[in-house]
Amino acid sequence: MYYVGLDLGAKRDYSALAVVEKVERRQAYQNPEPGTLLLRHVERVPLGTPYAEVVGMVRDTVWDPELAGQCVVVADATGLGAPVIEMLRAARLGCDITAVTITSGDRAVQRGNDWSVPKRDLIAGVQVLLEANELRIARGLRDAGALVQELVDVRTTQRGAGRVRYGADGCGEHDDLVIALALACWRAGRREIDMRGCALPGMPWK
């Protein structure tokens, strides 16, 4: 199964797309354990790209012959994201679409197929997976270097009234790639799903 994470930016913030595969069974030439998450694609969308084009990018991704029928889309519904969620659902992608509103709260809340999830949980989930070697990043991904830099920049920032902010953006940097990856990883871990996908060929792993 493939999980497509979509972080939506505004005029001065990038949108980003990440595709994560959850391994069903051990693969002899790569040897990842079942349950391992493999980052297959990560992409920062150019500033100013209309949301309609972003939706088109998601459509092209989930309709790719290697992924078709094996995808779940999880998209950022925070702020201006809600109309884009409606555009995604109207696009008839042929896959489940989970909308996630990113909050500063302390627990995840579900309303049907929509969720409110603390940013802390999203970012911490990626960190835990990396530390446990349960998330692999393919070599040669165009924006992998930017993703790694964002991961390095992610930190906790103490705000007034005891509030805590999580992410690189609180330190003047972007965290769009991390959030796209985190959304995909979070959705992959929500529940065990029947795994029908197989790995894309020719992808060496770190």
Protein backbone atom coordinates (compact mmCIF):
# COMPACT_ATOMS: atom_id res chain seq x y z
CA MET A 1 0.00 0.00 0.00
CA TYR A 2 1.18 3.52 -0.81
CA TYR A 3 0.43 6.57 1.33
CA VAL A 4 0.49 9.95 -0.40
CA GLY A 5 1.06 12.83 2.02
CA LEU A 6 0.18 16.35 0.88
CA ASP A 7 1.15 19.48 2.80
CA LEU A 8 -0.54 22.61 1.48
CA GLY A 9 1.24 25.95 1.52
CA ALA A 10 0.09 29.52 0.94
CA LYS A 11 1.62 32.29 -1.17
CA ARG A 12 4.89 32.31 0.78
CA ASP A 13 4.87 28.68 1.86
CA TYR A 14 5.59 25.67 -0.31
CA SER A 15 3.22 22.80 -0.83
CA ALA A 16 4.87 19.39 -0.75
CA LEU A 17 4.12 15.81 -1.75
CA ALA A 18 5.52 12.58 -0.31
CA VAL A 19 4.84 8.97 -1.31
CA VAL A 20 5.55 6.26 1.25
CA GLU A 21 5.23 2.52 0.67
CA LYS A 22 4.49 0.17 3.54
CA VAL A 23 6.28 -3.14 3.02
CA GLU A 24 4.11 -6.24 3.19
CA ARG A 25 6.77 -8.91 3.11
CA ARG A 26 10.53 -9.26 3.15
CA GLN A 27 12.12 -8.52 -0.24
CA ALA A 28 15.31 -10.43 -0.88
CA TYR A 29 17.20 -7.73 -2.82
CA GLN A 30 16.40 -4.93 -0.36
CA ASN A 31 15.75 -6.93 2.82
CA PRO A 32 13.41 -4.49 4.61
CA GLU A 33 11.33 -6.00 7.41
CA PRO A 34 7.55 -6.20 6.91
CA GLY A 35 6.01 -2.99 8.20
CA THR A 36 8.98 -0.88 7.15
CA LEU A 37 8.08 2.40 5.44
CA LEU A 38 9.96 3.27 2.26
CA LEU A 39 9.97 6.87 1.03
CA ARG A 40 9.52 6.51 -2.73
CA HIS A 41 9.03 10.14 -3.73
CA VAL A 42 9.26 13.57 -2.12
CA GLU A 43 8.72 16.84 -3.94
CA ARG A 44 8.48 20.51 -3.05
CA VAL A 45 5.95 22.28 -5.27
CA PRO A 46 7.10 25.64 -6.73
CA LEU A 47 5.72 28.72 -5.01
CA GLY A 48 2.65 30.15 -6.69
CA THR A 49 1.47 26.85 -8.13
CA PRO A 50 -2.35 26.96 -8.26
CA TYR A 51 -4.10 24.46 -6.03
CA ALA A 52 -5.81 23.02 -9.09
CA GLU A 53 -2.38 22.04 -10.42
CA VAL A 54 -1.44 20.56 -7.05
CA VAL A 55 -4.58 18.42 -7.20
CA GLY A 56 -3.55 17.40 -10.72
CA MET A 57 -0.15 16.31 -9.37
CA VAL A 58 -1.85 14.14 -6.79
CA ARG A 59 -4.13 12.67 -9.45
CA ASP A 60 -1.17 11.85 -11.69
CA THR A 61 0.57 10.20 -8.74
CA VAL A 62 -2.29 7.95 -7.65
CA TRP A 63 -3.13 7.05 -11.26
CA ASP A 64 0.44 5.98 -12.00
CA PRO A 65 0.34 2.33 -13.16
CA GLU A 66 2.63 1.27 -10.30
CA LEU A 67 0.38 2.83 -7.65
CA ALA A 68 -3.14 2.74 -9.10
CA GLY A 69 -5.60 1.00 -6.81
CA GLN A 70 -3.08 0.81 -3.97
CA CYS A 71 -3.10 4.37 -2.63
CA VAL A 72 -4.38 6.36 0.30
CA VAL A 73 -4.13 10.16 0.17
CA VAL A 74 -3.73 12.09 3.41
CA ALA A 75 -3.89 15.85 2.96
CA ASP A 76 -3.40 18.90 5.13
CA ALA A 77 -6.79 20.53 5.78
CA THR A 78 -5.45 23.30 8.03
CA GLY A 79 -6.47 26.88 7.22
CA LEU A 80 -7.01 27.20 3.48
CA GLY A 81 -6.70 23.45 3.03
CA ALA A 82 -10.41 22.66 3.40
CA PRO A 83 -11.40 23.82 -0.13
CA VAL A 84 -8.51 21.80 -1.58
CA ILE A 85 -9.80 18.71 0.21
CA GLU A 86 -13.10 19.23 -1.57
CA MET A 87 -11.23 19.56 -4.89
CA LEU A 88 -9.40 16.29 -4.19
CA ARG A 89 -12.64 14.50 -3.42
CA ALA A 90 -14.31 15.94 -6.51
CA ALA A 91 -11.38 14.73 -8.66
CA ARG A 92 -12.53 11.10 -8.24
CA LEU A 93 -9.06 9.80 -7.52
CA GLY A 94 -10.31 6.28 -6.91
CA CYS A 95 -8.74 6.07 -3.46
CA ASP A 96 -9.41 6.91 0.16
CA ILE A 97 -8.78 10.57 1.10
CA THR A 98 -8.09 11.46 4.73
CA ALA A 99 -8.18 15.14 5.71
CA VAL A 100 -5.95 16.17 8.62
CA THR A 101 -6.19 19.49 10.41
CA ILE A 102 -2.87 20.08 12.16
CA THR A 103 -3.31 21.45 15.67
CA SER A 104 -1.35 22.48 18.74
CA GLY A 105 -3.49 20.20 20.91
CA ASP A 106 -2.50 17.14 22.89
CA ARG A 107 -4.49 14.37 21.22
CA ALA A 108 -5.89 13.28 17.87
CA VAL A 109 -9.63 13.59 17.27
CA GLN A 110 -11.55 11.80 14.53
CA ARG A 111 -14.73 12.99 12.81
CA GLY A 112 -15.61 10.47 10.12
CA ASN A 113 -12.77 10.49 7.62
CA ASP A 114 -11.47 13.82 8.92
CA TRP A 115 -8.94 14.14 11.71
CA SER A 116 -7.44 16.80 13.95
CA VAL A 117 -3.88 15.76 14.84
CA PRO A 118 -1.28 17.56 16.98
CA LYS A 119 1.78 18.68 15.01
CA ARG A 120 3.85 17.26 17.85
CA ASP A 121 2.51 13.77 17.12
CA LEU A 122 3.18 14.04 13.38
CA ILE A 123 6.79 15.15 13.75
CA ALA A 124 7.57 12.83 16.66
CA GLY A 125 6.23 9.92 14.61
CA VAL A 126 8.80 10.53 11.88
CA GLN A 127 11.60 10.90 14.41
CA VAL A 128 10.70 7.62 16.12
CA LEU A 129 10.53 5.75 12.80
CA LEU A 130 13.95 7.05 11.75
CA GLU A 131 15.55 6.22 15.08
CA ALA A 132 14.10 2.69 14.91
CA ASN A 133 15.29 2.30 11.28
CA GLU A 134 11.69 1.68 10.25
CA LEU A 135 11.67 4.48 7.69
CA ARG A 136 14.03 4.30 4.70
CA ILE A 137 14.77 7.13 2.25
CA ALA A 138 15.65 6.26 -1.34
CA ARG A 139 18.94 7.53 -2.72
CA GLY A 140 18.68 9.95 -5.60
CA LEU A 141 15.39 11.60 -4.70
CA ARG A 142 15.51 15.15 -6.03
CA ASP A 143 14.41 16.87 -2.82
CA ALA A 144 15.91 14.35 -0.37
CA GLY A 145 18.65 16.81 0.61
CA ALA A 146 16.09 19.49 1.43
CA LEU A 147 14.08 16.95 3.44
CA VAL A 148 17.12 15.92 5.46
CA GLN A 149 17.91 19.57 6.18
CA GLU A 150 14.36 20.14 7.37
CA LEU A 151 14.62 17.09 9.64
CA VAL A 152 17.81 18.54 11.12
CA ASP A 153 16.13 21.93 11.62
CA VAL A 154 13.02 20.56 13.34
CA ARG A 155 12.95 21.57 16.96
CA THR A 156 10.72 22.58 19.85
CA THR A 157 10.17 26.29 20.44
CA GLN A 158 8.75 27.57 23.74
CA ARG A 159 6.14 30.30 23.30
CA GLY A 160 4.32 32.53 25.77
CA ALA A 161 1.70 31.21 28.19
CA GLY A 162 3.40 27.82 28.22
CA ARG A 163 2.66 27.12 24.56
CA VAL A 164 5.11 24.96 22.61
CA ARG A 165 5.61 25.11 18.85
CA TYR A 166 6.97 22.16 16.90
CA GLY A 167 8.70 22.33 13.52
CA ALA A 168 11.40 24.09 11.54
CA ASP A 169 9.11 26.93 10.50
CA GLY A 170 9.14 28.27 14.04
CA CYS A 171 12.85 28.93 13.55
CA GLY A 172 12.49 30.75 10.25
CA GLU A 173 12.83 27.67 8.05
CA HIS A 174 10.40 25.55 6.05
CA ASP A 175 9.04 22.20 7.20
CA ASP A 176 6.72 21.41 4.29
CA LEU A 177 8.58 18.27 3.20
CA VAL A 178 8.68 16.96 6.76
CA ILE A 179 4.94 17.53 7.18
CA ALA A 180 4.10 15.80 3.88
CA LEU A 181 6.23 12.83 4.97
CA ALA A 182 4.77 12.90 8.48
CA LEU A 183 1.19 12.85 7.18
CA ALA A 184 1.93 9.79 5.03
CA CYS A 185 3.70 7.99 7.89
CA TRP A 186 0.96 8.87 10.38
CA ARG A 187 -1.74 7.47 8.10
CA ALA A 188 0.28 4.33 7.41
CA GLY A 189 0.38 3.69 11.15
CA ARG A 190 -3.30 4.31 11.90
CA ARG A 191 -4.29 0.71 11.31
CA GLU A 192 -3.14 -2.41 9.56
CA ILE A 193 -4.42 -2.47 5.97
CA ASP A 194 -4.39 -5.30 3.45
CA MET A 195 -1.11 -4.89 1.58
CA ARG A 196 -1.38 -5.51 -2.16
CA GLY A 197 1.52 -3.42 -3.42
CA CYS A 198 5.02 -4.48 -4.31
CA ALA A 199 8.19 -2.39 -4.36
CA LEU A 200 9.11 -0.25 -7.32
CA PRO A 201 12.18 -1.73 -9.03
CA GLY A 202 15.61 -0.16 -9.22
CA MET A 203 15.52 1.86 -5.98
CA PRO A 204 18.63 1.45 -3.79
CA TRP A 205 18.27 2.27 -0.12
CA LYS A 206 20.48 3.88 2.48
